[in-house]
Amino acid sequence: MSLEHFMKINHRFFSNPLIQSFIDEPDHASLLRRTVEKGDQSASKQLDERFEDFFLKVRMIRYIDRLSTFYVKSYDQKRRKNHRQLTLDAPAGFDQDESQTELSKLPSKEPSPAESVDRRIPDLLTDKESVRLYQSFSEKKKNVLEWSIVHQLSNKEIAGLLDCTPQNVSKLKAHALRQLQQKGGQARG
C-alpha cells in the first residue's frame, strides 16, 4: 500500500496538527514511508520512539507555556496591587518624621472644633448682611472659601478633598464671592 493511499484512508488521524508537524520532519516522513510501504519493523520501532520524544517535548513546551502564563499573570496582579497604594501614603519627606505622610498635611474635610469656633471668613466681612449671607451658605461653599482664602489651597487640592472637579470648585468659589460682593455693594450704597 502506498503512503498517500494510507494517509487518505486515515485522513482524520493525519489531519491532526500535532501529527502533521511530526511528519513534516523529513526523517520522520521517510520512516513512515518505509513502515507503511515496506512493512519495515525497525523503521516502525524508530518511528514510535521518535514520536514519543517528540510528544514529550510538545507536552513540556505546553507545560512551560502554561506555567509562564500563570506566573506572568500572578506577577502582574501583585504589581498592580502594589501600584494601588496611594502616593499620599508615602512618607512626607526625608527630613521629616516617617509617620507624617503627605495625606496628613492636607486639611480634613470636616473642620476641627477649634476651626469651627474660629472661622476667619466672617472676620474678613465688613458688614452684618454679608456675615448673614455667608452663614446661609452650604457647608461645601463655606469650606471652599475657607480652604481657598484662609488655607490658600488650589482648586485641584480642594476638589480632591470634596470629591469633585476643580471646575466645580471654581464655580462655587466664584458664585460665593460674587454673592458676597453684591451684598457688600448694596450695604454700602
N, C-alpha and C. Protein backbone atom coordinates (compact mmCIF):
# COMPACT_ATOMS: atom_id res chain seq x y z
N MET A 1 0.85 -1.17 0.00
CA MET A 1 0.00 0.00 0.00
C MET A 1 0.90 1.24 0.00
N SER A 2 0.51 2.25 -0.77
CA SER A 2 1.32 3.48 -0.83
C SER A 2 1.02 4.37 0.37
N LEU A 3 1.99 5.20 0.71
CA LEU A 3 1.84 6.13 1.84
C LEU A 3 0.67 7.08 1.61
N GLU A 4 0.53 7.57 0.36
CA GLU A 4 -0.54 8.51 0.05
C GLU A 4 -1.92 7.88 0.25
N HIS A 5 -2.06 6.61 -0.18
CA HIS A 5 -3.33 5.89 -0.01
C HIS A 5 -3.60 5.66 1.49
N PHE A 6 -2.56 5.27 2.22
CA PHE A 6 -2.67 5.04 3.66
C PHE A 6 -3.11 6.34 4.37
N MET A 7 -2.54 7.48 3.95
CA MET A 7 -2.90 8.77 4.56
C MET A 7 -4.34 9.16 4.23
N LYS A 8 -4.82 8.81 3.02
CA LYS A 8 -6.21 9.09 2.64
C LYS A 8 -7.17 8.27 3.50
N ILE A 9 -6.85 7.01 3.69
CA ILE A 9 -7.71 6.14 4.50
C ILE A 9 -7.79 6.65 5.93
N ASN A 10 -6.65 7.11 6.44
CA ASN A 10 -6.56 7.61 7.83
C ASN A 10 -6.49 9.14 7.86
N HIS A 11 -7.30 9.75 7.03
CA HIS A 11 -7.28 11.22 6.87
C HIS A 11 -7.48 11.95 8.20
N ARG A 12 -8.41 11.47 8.99
CA ARG A 12 -8.71 12.16 10.26
C ARG A 12 -7.48 12.17 11.17
N PHE A 13 -6.78 11.06 11.25
CA PHE A 13 -5.57 10.95 12.07
C PHE A 13 -4.48 11.90 11.55
N PHE A 14 -4.27 11.90 10.25
CA PHE A 14 -3.19 12.70 9.67
C PHE A 14 -3.54 14.19 9.55
N SER A 15 -4.81 14.55 9.80
CA SER A 15 -5.18 15.97 9.77
C SER A 15 -4.91 16.64 11.11
N ASN A 16 -4.57 15.87 12.10
CA ASN A 16 -4.23 16.42 13.42
C ASN A 16 -2.96 17.28 13.29
N PRO A 17 -2.99 18.53 13.77
CA PRO A 17 -1.82 19.41 13.63
C PRO A 17 -0.55 18.85 14.27
N LEU A 18 -0.72 18.13 15.36
CA LEU A 18 0.44 17.55 16.02
C LEU A 18 1.10 16.48 15.14
N ILE A 19 0.29 15.62 14.54
CA ILE A 19 0.80 14.57 13.64
C ILE A 19 1.41 15.22 12.40
N GLN A 20 0.75 16.23 11.87
CA GLN A 20 1.28 16.92 10.68
C GLN A 20 2.65 17.52 10.95
N SER A 21 2.81 18.18 12.11
CA SER A 21 4.12 18.78 12.40
C SER A 21 5.19 17.69 12.61
N PHE A 22 4.78 16.52 13.12
CA PHE A 22 5.74 15.43 13.28
C PHE A 22 6.18 14.89 11.92
N ILE A 23 5.22 14.71 11.02
CA ILE A 23 5.53 14.16 9.69
C ILE A 23 6.25 15.17 8.80
N ASP A 24 6.12 16.44 9.07
CA ASP A 24 6.82 17.46 8.28
C ASP A 24 8.34 17.31 8.36
N GLU A 25 8.81 16.66 9.41
CA GLU A 25 10.24 16.38 9.53
C GLU A 25 10.61 15.31 8.51
N PRO A 26 11.59 15.57 7.61
CA PRO A 26 11.92 14.61 6.54
C PRO A 26 12.29 13.21 7.04
N ASP A 27 13.03 13.10 8.13
CA ASP A 27 13.41 11.78 8.65
C ASP A 27 12.18 10.99 9.09
N HIS A 28 11.24 11.71 9.74
CA HIS A 28 10.03 11.03 10.21
C HIS A 28 9.17 10.58 9.02
N ALA A 29 9.09 11.40 8.00
CA ALA A 29 8.30 11.04 6.81
C ALA A 29 8.90 9.81 6.12
N SER A 30 10.24 9.74 6.04
CA SER A 30 10.86 8.58 5.38
C SER A 30 10.67 7.31 6.22
N LEU A 31 10.73 7.42 7.54
CA LEU A 31 10.47 6.26 8.40
C LEU A 31 9.02 5.79 8.24
N LEU A 32 8.08 6.73 8.16
CA LEU A 32 6.68 6.38 7.97
C LEU A 32 6.49 5.68 6.62
N ARG A 33 7.14 6.21 5.59
CA ARG A 33 7.03 5.60 4.25
C ARG A 33 7.56 4.17 4.27
N ARG A 34 8.74 3.96 4.91
CA ARG A 34 9.31 2.60 4.99
C ARG A 34 8.39 1.66 5.78
N THR A 35 7.78 2.19 6.84
CA THR A 35 6.89 1.36 7.66
C THR A 35 5.65 0.96 6.89
N VAL A 36 5.01 1.92 6.22
CA VAL A 36 3.75 1.65 5.51
C VAL A 36 3.98 0.86 4.23
N GLU A 37 4.92 1.29 3.40
CA GLU A 37 5.10 0.68 2.08
C GLU A 37 5.87 -0.64 2.14
N LYS A 38 6.85 -0.74 3.04
CA LYS A 38 7.70 -1.94 3.06
C LYS A 38 7.45 -2.84 4.28
N GLY A 39 6.66 -2.34 5.24
CA GLY A 39 6.40 -3.12 6.45
C GLY A 39 7.63 -3.31 7.30
N ASP A 40 8.58 -2.37 7.25
CA ASP A 40 9.85 -2.43 7.98
C ASP A 40 9.58 -2.21 9.48
N GLN A 41 9.79 -3.29 10.28
CA GLN A 41 9.52 -3.24 11.72
C GLN A 41 10.52 -2.35 12.46
N SER A 42 11.79 -2.34 12.05
CA SER A 42 12.78 -1.48 12.72
C SER A 42 12.44 0.00 12.47
N ALA A 43 11.97 0.31 11.25
CA ALA A 43 11.55 1.69 10.96
C ALA A 43 10.33 2.05 11.80
N SER A 44 9.41 1.08 11.98
CA SER A 44 8.22 1.30 12.80
C SER A 44 8.61 1.58 14.26
N LYS A 45 9.59 0.79 14.76
CA LYS A 45 10.05 0.97 16.14
C LYS A 45 10.73 2.34 16.30
N GLN A 46 11.58 2.73 15.35
CA GLN A 46 12.24 4.04 15.39
C GLN A 46 11.20 5.17 15.34
N LEU A 47 10.20 4.99 14.49
CA LEU A 47 9.13 5.98 14.36
C LEU A 47 8.40 6.15 15.68
N ASP A 48 8.09 5.04 16.34
CA ASP A 48 7.41 5.10 17.65
C ASP A 48 8.26 5.84 18.69
N GLU A 49 9.56 5.50 18.75
CA GLU A 49 10.47 6.13 19.72
C GLU A 49 10.59 7.64 19.46
N ARG A 50 10.73 7.98 18.20
CA ARG A 50 10.85 9.41 17.86
C ARG A 50 9.56 10.17 18.16
N PHE A 51 8.42 9.51 17.92
CA PHE A 51 7.16 10.19 18.23
C PHE A 51 7.00 10.39 19.74
N GLU A 52 7.43 9.39 20.53
CA GLU A 52 7.37 9.55 21.99
C GLU A 52 8.21 10.75 22.43
N ASP A 53 9.44 10.86 21.91
CA ASP A 53 10.30 12.01 22.23
C ASP A 53 9.65 13.31 21.78
N PHE A 54 9.15 13.30 20.55
CA PHE A 54 8.50 14.49 20.00
C PHE A 54 7.31 14.91 20.87
N PHE A 55 6.47 13.93 21.23
CA PHE A 55 5.28 14.22 22.02
C PHE A 55 5.66 14.72 23.41
N LEU A 56 6.69 14.15 24.01
CA LEU A 56 7.17 14.60 25.32
C LEU A 56 7.64 16.06 25.25
N LYS A 57 8.37 16.40 24.20
CA LYS A 57 8.83 17.79 24.02
C LYS A 57 7.65 18.74 23.86
N VAL A 58 6.65 18.32 23.09
CA VAL A 58 5.47 19.16 22.88
C VAL A 58 4.76 19.38 24.21
N ARG A 59 4.61 18.33 25.00
CA ARG A 59 3.94 18.46 26.30
C ARG A 59 4.74 19.36 27.23
N MET A 60 6.06 19.23 27.20
CA MET A 60 6.92 20.08 28.04
C MET A 60 6.77 21.55 27.63
N ILE A 61 6.77 21.79 26.34
CA ILE A 61 6.62 23.17 25.86
C ILE A 61 5.27 23.72 26.30
N ARG A 62 4.23 22.91 26.18
CA ARG A 62 2.89 23.34 26.59
C ARG A 62 2.85 23.62 28.09
N TYR A 63 3.47 22.74 28.87
CA TYR A 63 3.53 22.92 30.32
C TYR A 63 4.27 24.21 30.68
N ILE A 64 5.41 24.43 30.06
CA ILE A 64 6.20 25.64 30.33
C ILE A 64 5.42 26.88 29.92
N ASP A 65 4.72 26.80 28.81
CA ASP A 65 3.90 27.92 28.36
C ASP A 65 2.82 28.25 29.38
N ARG A 66 2.11 27.24 29.85
CA ARG A 66 1.06 27.47 30.86
C ARG A 66 1.64 28.00 32.15
N LEU A 67 2.76 27.43 32.57
CA LEU A 67 3.41 27.86 33.80
C LEU A 67 3.86 29.31 33.70
N SER A 68 4.49 29.65 32.59
CA SER A 68 4.93 31.04 32.42
C SER A 68 3.75 31.99 32.34
N THR A 69 2.67 31.58 31.69
CA THR A 69 1.48 32.42 31.63
C THR A 69 0.92 32.64 33.03
N PHE A 70 0.88 31.59 33.84
CA PHE A 70 0.39 31.71 35.21
C PHE A 70 1.25 32.69 36.00
N TYR A 71 2.59 32.53 35.92
CA TYR A 71 3.47 33.40 36.68
C TYR A 71 3.43 34.84 36.19
N VAL A 72 3.25 35.04 34.92
CA VAL A 72 3.14 36.40 34.39
C VAL A 72 1.88 37.06 34.94
N LYS A 73 0.76 36.34 34.93
CA LYS A 73 -0.48 36.88 35.47
C LYS A 73 -0.35 37.15 36.96
N SER A 74 0.24 36.22 37.67
CA SER A 74 0.42 36.38 39.11
C SER A 74 1.31 37.59 39.41
N TYR A 75 2.39 37.71 38.68
CA TYR A 75 3.31 38.84 38.87
C TYR A 75 2.60 40.15 38.56
N ASP A 76 1.83 40.16 37.48
CA ASP A 76 1.10 41.36 37.09
C ASP A 76 0.09 41.76 38.16
N GLN A 77 -0.60 40.79 38.73
CA GLN A 77 -1.57 41.09 39.79
C GLN A 77 -0.88 41.67 41.01
N LYS A 78 0.24 41.09 41.41
CA LYS A 78 0.99 41.61 42.56
C LYS A 78 1.47 43.03 42.28
N ARG A 79 1.93 43.24 41.08
CA ARG A 79 2.45 44.56 40.71
C ARG A 79 1.34 45.61 40.72
N ARG A 80 0.17 45.24 40.17
CA ARG A 80 -0.96 46.16 40.19
C ARG A 80 -1.39 46.47 41.60
N LYS A 81 -1.37 45.46 42.47
CA LYS A 81 -1.76 45.66 43.85
C LYS A 81 -0.83 46.66 44.52
N ASN A 82 0.48 46.55 44.24
CA ASN A 82 1.43 47.49 44.83
C ASN A 82 1.25 48.90 44.28
N HIS A 83 0.80 49.03 43.02
CA HIS A 83 0.60 50.35 42.44
C HIS A 83 -0.64 51.04 42.99
N ARG A 84 -1.52 50.25 43.60
CA ARG A 84 -2.74 50.84 44.13
C ARG A 84 -2.48 51.69 45.37
N GLN A 85 -1.34 51.49 46.00
CA GLN A 85 -1.01 52.28 47.18
C GLN A 85 -0.91 53.74 46.77
N LEU A 86 -1.59 54.58 47.48
CA LEU A 86 -1.60 56.00 47.15
C LEU A 86 -0.24 56.62 47.45
N THR A 87 0.14 57.55 46.62
CA THR A 87 1.39 58.26 46.88
C THR A 87 1.23 59.17 48.09
N LEU A 88 -0.01 59.46 48.44
CA LEU A 88 -0.24 60.28 49.63
C LEU A 88 0.09 59.51 50.90
N ASP A 89 0.17 58.20 50.83
CA ASP A 89 0.50 57.38 51.99
C ASP A 89 2.01 57.27 52.20
N ALA A 90 2.78 57.77 51.25
CA ALA A 90 4.24 57.70 51.35
C ALA A 90 4.72 58.73 52.37
N PRO A 91 5.89 58.51 52.97
CA PRO A 91 6.42 59.49 53.91
C PRO A 91 6.53 60.87 53.26
N ALA A 92 6.30 61.91 54.05
CA ALA A 92 6.23 63.28 53.54
C ALA A 92 7.57 63.78 53.03
N GLY A 93 8.67 63.37 53.60
CA GLY A 93 9.97 63.85 53.13
C GLY A 93 11.10 63.20 53.89
N PHE A 94 12.32 63.42 53.40
CA PHE A 94 13.48 62.79 54.03
C PHE A 94 13.78 63.38 55.39
N ASP A 95 13.60 64.68 55.52
CA ASP A 95 13.98 65.36 56.76
C ASP A 95 12.87 65.32 57.81
N GLN A 96 11.72 64.73 57.48
CA GLN A 96 10.60 64.73 58.42
C GLN A 96 10.42 63.35 59.03
N ASP A 97 9.58 63.34 60.03
CA ASP A 97 9.24 62.09 60.70
C ASP A 97 8.56 61.16 59.71
N GLU A 98 8.92 59.87 59.72
CA GLU A 98 8.34 58.92 58.76
C GLU A 98 6.87 58.68 59.00
N SER A 99 6.37 58.97 60.21
CA SER A 99 4.96 58.74 60.49
C SER A 99 4.09 59.82 59.84
N GLN A 100 4.68 60.95 59.48
CA GLN A 100 3.92 62.01 58.81
C GLN A 100 3.91 61.73 57.31
N THR A 101 2.71 61.71 56.74
CA THR A 101 2.56 61.45 55.31
C THR A 101 2.04 62.70 54.63
N GLU A 102 2.06 62.66 53.29
CA GLU A 102 1.52 63.77 52.52
C GLU A 102 0.04 63.97 52.84
N LEU A 103 -0.67 62.88 53.05
CA LEU A 103 -2.10 62.94 53.36
C LEU A 103 -2.34 63.65 54.68
N SER A 104 -1.46 63.44 55.66
CA SER A 104 -1.66 64.07 56.96
C SER A 104 -1.43 65.58 56.91
N LYS A 105 -0.79 66.08 55.86
CA LYS A 105 -0.57 67.52 55.71
C LYS A 105 -1.81 68.26 55.22
N LEU A 106 -2.71 67.54 54.53
CA LEU A 106 -3.92 68.17 53.98
C LEU A 106 -4.94 68.40 55.08
N PRO A 107 -5.71 69.48 54.97
CA PRO A 107 -6.76 69.69 55.97
C PRO A 107 -7.85 68.63 55.79
N SER A 108 -8.49 68.27 56.90
CA SER A 108 -9.54 67.26 56.82
C SER A 108 -10.80 67.88 56.22
N LYS A 109 -11.70 67.01 55.73
CA LYS A 109 -12.95 67.51 55.15
C LYS A 109 -13.78 68.22 56.21
N GLU A 110 -13.83 67.63 57.36
CA GLU A 110 -14.59 68.22 58.45
C GLU A 110 -13.67 69.14 59.25
N PRO A 111 -14.11 70.37 59.51
CA PRO A 111 -13.27 71.26 60.31
C PRO A 111 -13.19 70.75 61.75
N SER A 112 -12.05 70.94 62.35
CA SER A 112 -11.89 70.54 63.74
C SER A 112 -12.72 71.49 64.60
N PRO A 113 -12.99 71.14 65.85
CA PRO A 113 -13.78 72.04 66.71
C PRO A 113 -13.14 73.41 66.85
N ALA A 114 -11.81 73.44 66.89
CA ALA A 114 -11.12 74.74 67.00
C ALA A 114 -11.36 75.59 65.76
N GLU A 115 -11.33 74.96 64.59
CA GLU A 115 -11.55 75.71 63.35
C GLU A 115 -12.99 76.20 63.25
N SER A 116 -13.95 75.38 63.67
CA SER A 116 -15.34 75.80 63.55
C SER A 116 -15.65 76.96 64.48
N VAL A 117 -14.98 77.02 65.63
CA VAL A 117 -15.18 78.15 66.54
C VAL A 117 -14.49 79.38 65.98
N ASP A 118 -13.32 79.19 65.39
CA ASP A 118 -12.52 80.32 64.93
C ASP A 118 -12.53 80.41 63.40
N ARG A 119 -13.70 80.52 62.81
CA ARG A 119 -13.78 80.72 61.37
C ARG A 119 -13.31 82.14 61.08
N ARG A 120 -12.42 82.27 60.12
CA ARG A 120 -11.84 83.58 59.84
C ARG A 120 -12.57 84.33 58.74
N ILE A 121 -13.32 83.66 57.89
CA ILE A 121 -14.02 84.34 56.80
C ILE A 121 -14.99 85.40 57.35
N PRO A 122 -15.82 85.08 58.36
CA PRO A 122 -16.71 86.13 58.87
C PRO A 122 -15.96 87.35 59.41
N ASP A 123 -14.73 87.11 59.92
CA ASP A 123 -13.94 88.24 60.42
C ASP A 123 -13.49 89.16 59.28
N LEU A 124 -13.41 88.60 58.07
CA LEU A 124 -12.99 89.40 56.93
C LEU A 124 -14.13 90.23 56.33
N LEU A 125 -15.35 89.84 56.62
CA LEU A 125 -16.51 90.52 56.05
C LEU A 125 -16.76 91.83 56.81
N THR A 126 -17.15 92.84 56.05
CA THR A 126 -17.24 94.20 56.62
C THR A 126 -18.59 94.56 57.21
N ASP A 127 -19.65 93.87 56.82
CA ASP A 127 -20.96 94.24 57.34
C ASP A 127 -21.75 93.01 57.78
N LYS A 128 -22.78 93.28 58.58
CA LYS A 128 -23.58 92.18 59.14
C LYS A 128 -24.37 91.43 58.07
N GLU A 129 -24.81 92.10 57.04
CA GLU A 129 -25.56 91.45 55.95
C GLU A 129 -24.68 90.42 55.25
N SER A 130 -23.43 90.75 55.00
CA SER A 130 -22.50 89.82 54.36
C SER A 130 -22.23 88.62 55.26
N VAL A 131 -22.12 88.88 56.57
CA VAL A 131 -21.90 87.79 57.52
C VAL A 131 -23.11 86.86 57.52
N ARG A 132 -24.33 87.43 57.52
CA ARG A 132 -25.55 86.60 57.48
C ARG A 132 -25.61 85.80 56.18
N LEU A 133 -25.28 86.47 55.10
CA LEU A 133 -25.28 85.77 53.80
C LEU A 133 -24.27 84.62 53.82
N TYR A 134 -23.07 84.88 54.32
CA TYR A 134 -22.04 83.83 54.41
C TYR A 134 -22.54 82.66 55.27
N GLN A 135 -23.18 82.98 56.39
CA GLN A 135 -23.67 81.91 57.27
C GLN A 135 -24.80 81.10 56.62
N SER A 136 -25.48 81.68 55.62
CA SER A 136 -26.54 80.94 54.93
C SER A 136 -25.98 80.01 53.85
N PHE A 137 -24.70 80.15 53.52
CA PHE A 137 -24.07 79.28 52.52
C PHE A 137 -24.05 77.84 53.01
N SER A 138 -24.02 76.92 52.06
CA SER A 138 -23.88 75.50 52.41
C SER A 138 -22.49 75.27 52.99
N GLU A 139 -22.35 74.17 53.73
CA GLU A 139 -21.04 73.84 54.31
C GLU A 139 -19.99 73.69 53.21
N LYS A 140 -20.41 73.15 52.08
CA LYS A 140 -19.49 72.94 50.97
C LYS A 140 -18.94 74.29 50.48
N LYS A 141 -19.84 75.25 50.33
CA LYS A 141 -19.43 76.57 49.83
C LYS A 141 -18.55 77.27 50.86
N LYS A 142 -18.89 77.12 52.15
CA LYS A 142 -18.07 77.72 53.22
C LYS A 142 -16.67 77.10 53.21
N ASN A 143 -16.62 75.77 53.07
CA ASN A 143 -15.31 75.09 53.04
C ASN A 143 -14.48 75.55 51.86
N VAL A 144 -15.10 75.70 50.70
CA VAL A 144 -14.37 76.15 49.51
C VAL A 144 -13.75 77.52 49.77
N LEU A 145 -14.53 78.43 50.31
CA LEU A 145 -13.99 79.77 50.59
C LEU A 145 -12.88 79.73 51.63
N GLU A 146 -13.12 78.99 52.71
CA GLU A 146 -12.11 78.93 53.76
C GLU A 146 -10.82 78.28 53.27
N TRP A 147 -10.92 77.14 52.60
CA TRP A 147 -9.72 76.47 52.14
C TRP A 147 -8.99 77.29 51.07
N SER A 148 -9.76 78.03 50.31
CA SER A 148 -9.15 78.84 49.26
C SER A 148 -8.50 80.09 49.82
N ILE A 149 -9.22 80.80 50.67
CA ILE A 149 -8.73 82.10 51.16
C ILE A 149 -7.83 81.95 52.37
N VAL A 150 -8.27 81.20 53.39
CA VAL A 150 -7.50 81.08 54.63
C VAL A 150 -6.32 80.12 54.48
N HIS A 151 -6.58 78.92 53.93
CA HIS A 151 -5.52 77.91 53.82
C HIS A 151 -4.76 77.99 52.51
N GLN A 152 -5.25 78.79 51.58
CA GLN A 152 -4.64 79.03 50.28
C GLN A 152 -4.37 77.73 49.51
N LEU A 153 -5.39 76.85 49.50
CA LEU A 153 -5.29 75.63 48.72
C LEU A 153 -5.73 75.92 47.29
N SER A 154 -5.19 75.17 46.37
CA SER A 154 -5.58 75.33 44.96
C SER A 154 -6.93 74.66 44.72
N ASN A 155 -7.55 75.00 43.60
CA ASN A 155 -8.83 74.39 43.24
C ASN A 155 -8.69 72.87 43.14
N LYS A 156 -7.58 72.42 42.63
CA LYS A 156 -7.35 70.99 42.47
C LYS A 156 -7.27 70.30 43.84
N GLU A 157 -6.58 70.92 44.79
CA GLU A 157 -6.47 70.34 46.13
C GLU A 157 -7.84 70.31 46.82
N ILE A 158 -8.60 71.38 46.66
CA ILE A 158 -9.94 71.44 47.26
C ILE A 158 -10.84 70.40 46.60
N ALA A 159 -10.74 70.26 45.29
CA ALA A 159 -11.54 69.27 44.57
C ALA A 159 -11.25 67.87 45.10
N GLY A 160 -10.00 67.59 45.41
CA GLY A 160 -9.64 66.29 45.97
C GLY A 160 -10.27 66.06 47.32
N LEU A 161 -10.37 67.11 48.11
CA LEU A 161 -10.98 66.98 49.44
C LEU A 161 -12.49 66.82 49.36
N LEU A 162 -13.11 67.43 48.36
CA LEU A 162 -14.57 67.40 48.23
C LEU A 162 -15.06 66.33 47.26
N ASP A 163 -14.15 65.60 46.66
CA ASP A 163 -14.52 64.57 45.66
C ASP A 163 -15.34 65.17 44.53
N CYS A 164 -14.85 66.25 43.96
CA CYS A 164 -15.50 66.86 42.80
C CYS A 164 -14.40 67.37 41.86
N THR A 165 -14.78 68.06 40.81
CA THR A 165 -13.79 68.54 39.85
C THR A 165 -13.31 69.94 40.22
N PRO A 166 -12.11 70.31 39.80
CA PRO A 166 -11.62 71.67 40.04
C PRO A 166 -12.54 72.73 39.42
N GLN A 167 -13.21 72.40 38.32
CA GLN A 167 -14.14 73.34 37.69
C GLN A 167 -15.32 73.63 38.62
N ASN A 168 -15.82 72.59 39.29
CA ASN A 168 -16.91 72.79 40.24
C ASN A 168 -16.47 73.67 41.40
N VAL A 169 -15.26 73.47 41.88
CA VAL A 169 -14.72 74.30 42.97
C VAL A 169 -14.63 75.74 42.51
N SER A 170 -14.13 75.95 41.31
CA SER A 170 -14.00 77.30 40.76
C SER A 170 -15.36 77.99 40.65
N LYS A 171 -16.36 77.26 40.17
CA LYS A 171 -17.71 77.82 40.05
C LYS A 171 -18.30 78.17 41.41
N LEU A 172 -18.14 77.25 42.38
CA LEU A 172 -18.65 77.51 43.73
C LEU A 172 -18.00 78.75 44.33
N LYS A 173 -16.69 78.84 44.19
CA LYS A 173 -15.94 79.97 44.77
C LYS A 173 -16.36 81.27 44.09
N ALA A 174 -16.44 81.26 42.77
CA ALA A 174 -16.82 82.49 42.04
C ALA A 174 -18.24 82.92 42.40
N HIS A 175 -19.14 81.95 42.49
CA HIS A 175 -20.54 82.26 42.83
C HIS A 175 -20.62 82.85 44.23
N ALA A 176 -19.94 82.26 45.20
CA ALA A 176 -19.96 82.75 46.58
C ALA A 176 -19.37 84.14 46.68
N LEU A 177 -18.23 84.38 46.02
CA LEU A 177 -17.60 85.70 46.07
C LEU A 177 -18.47 86.76 45.39
N ARG A 178 -19.10 86.38 44.28
CA ARG A 178 -19.99 87.30 43.59
C ARG A 178 -21.18 87.69 44.48
N GLN A 179 -21.74 86.70 45.18
CA GLN A 179 -22.86 86.99 46.09
C GLN A 179 -22.42 87.92 47.21
N LEU A 180 -21.25 87.66 47.77
CA LEU A 180 -20.76 88.50 48.87
C LEU A 180 -20.44 89.90 48.38
N GLN A 181 -19.89 90.05 47.19
CA GLN A 181 -19.59 91.37 46.64
C GLN A 181 -20.86 92.16 46.38
N GLN A 182 -21.86 91.51 45.83
CA GLN A 182 -23.13 92.18 45.55
C GLN A 182 -23.79 92.64 46.85
N LYS A 183 -23.77 91.78 47.85
CA LYS A 183 -24.38 92.11 49.14
C LYS A 183 -23.61 93.24 49.78
N GLY A 184 -22.28 93.19 49.71
CA GLY A 184 -21.44 94.25 50.29
C GLY A 184 -21.66 95.57 49.58
N GLY A 185 -21.83 95.58 48.26
CA GLY A 185 -22.09 96.80 47.49
C GLY A 185 -23.45 97.37 47.83
N GLN A 186 -24.45 96.53 48.06
CA GLN A 186 -25.79 97.02 48.43
C GLN A 186 -25.78 97.63 49.81
N ALA A 187 -25.02 97.04 50.75
CA ALA A 187 -24.99 97.55 52.12
C ALA A 187 -24.32 98.91 52.19
N ARG A 188 -23.31 99.16 51.35
CA ARG A 188 -22.60 100.45 51.37
C ARG A 188 -23.42 101.54 50.68
N GLY A 189 -24.20 101.15 49.67
CA GLY A 189 -24.90 102.12 48.85
C GLY A 189 -26.14 102.61 49.41
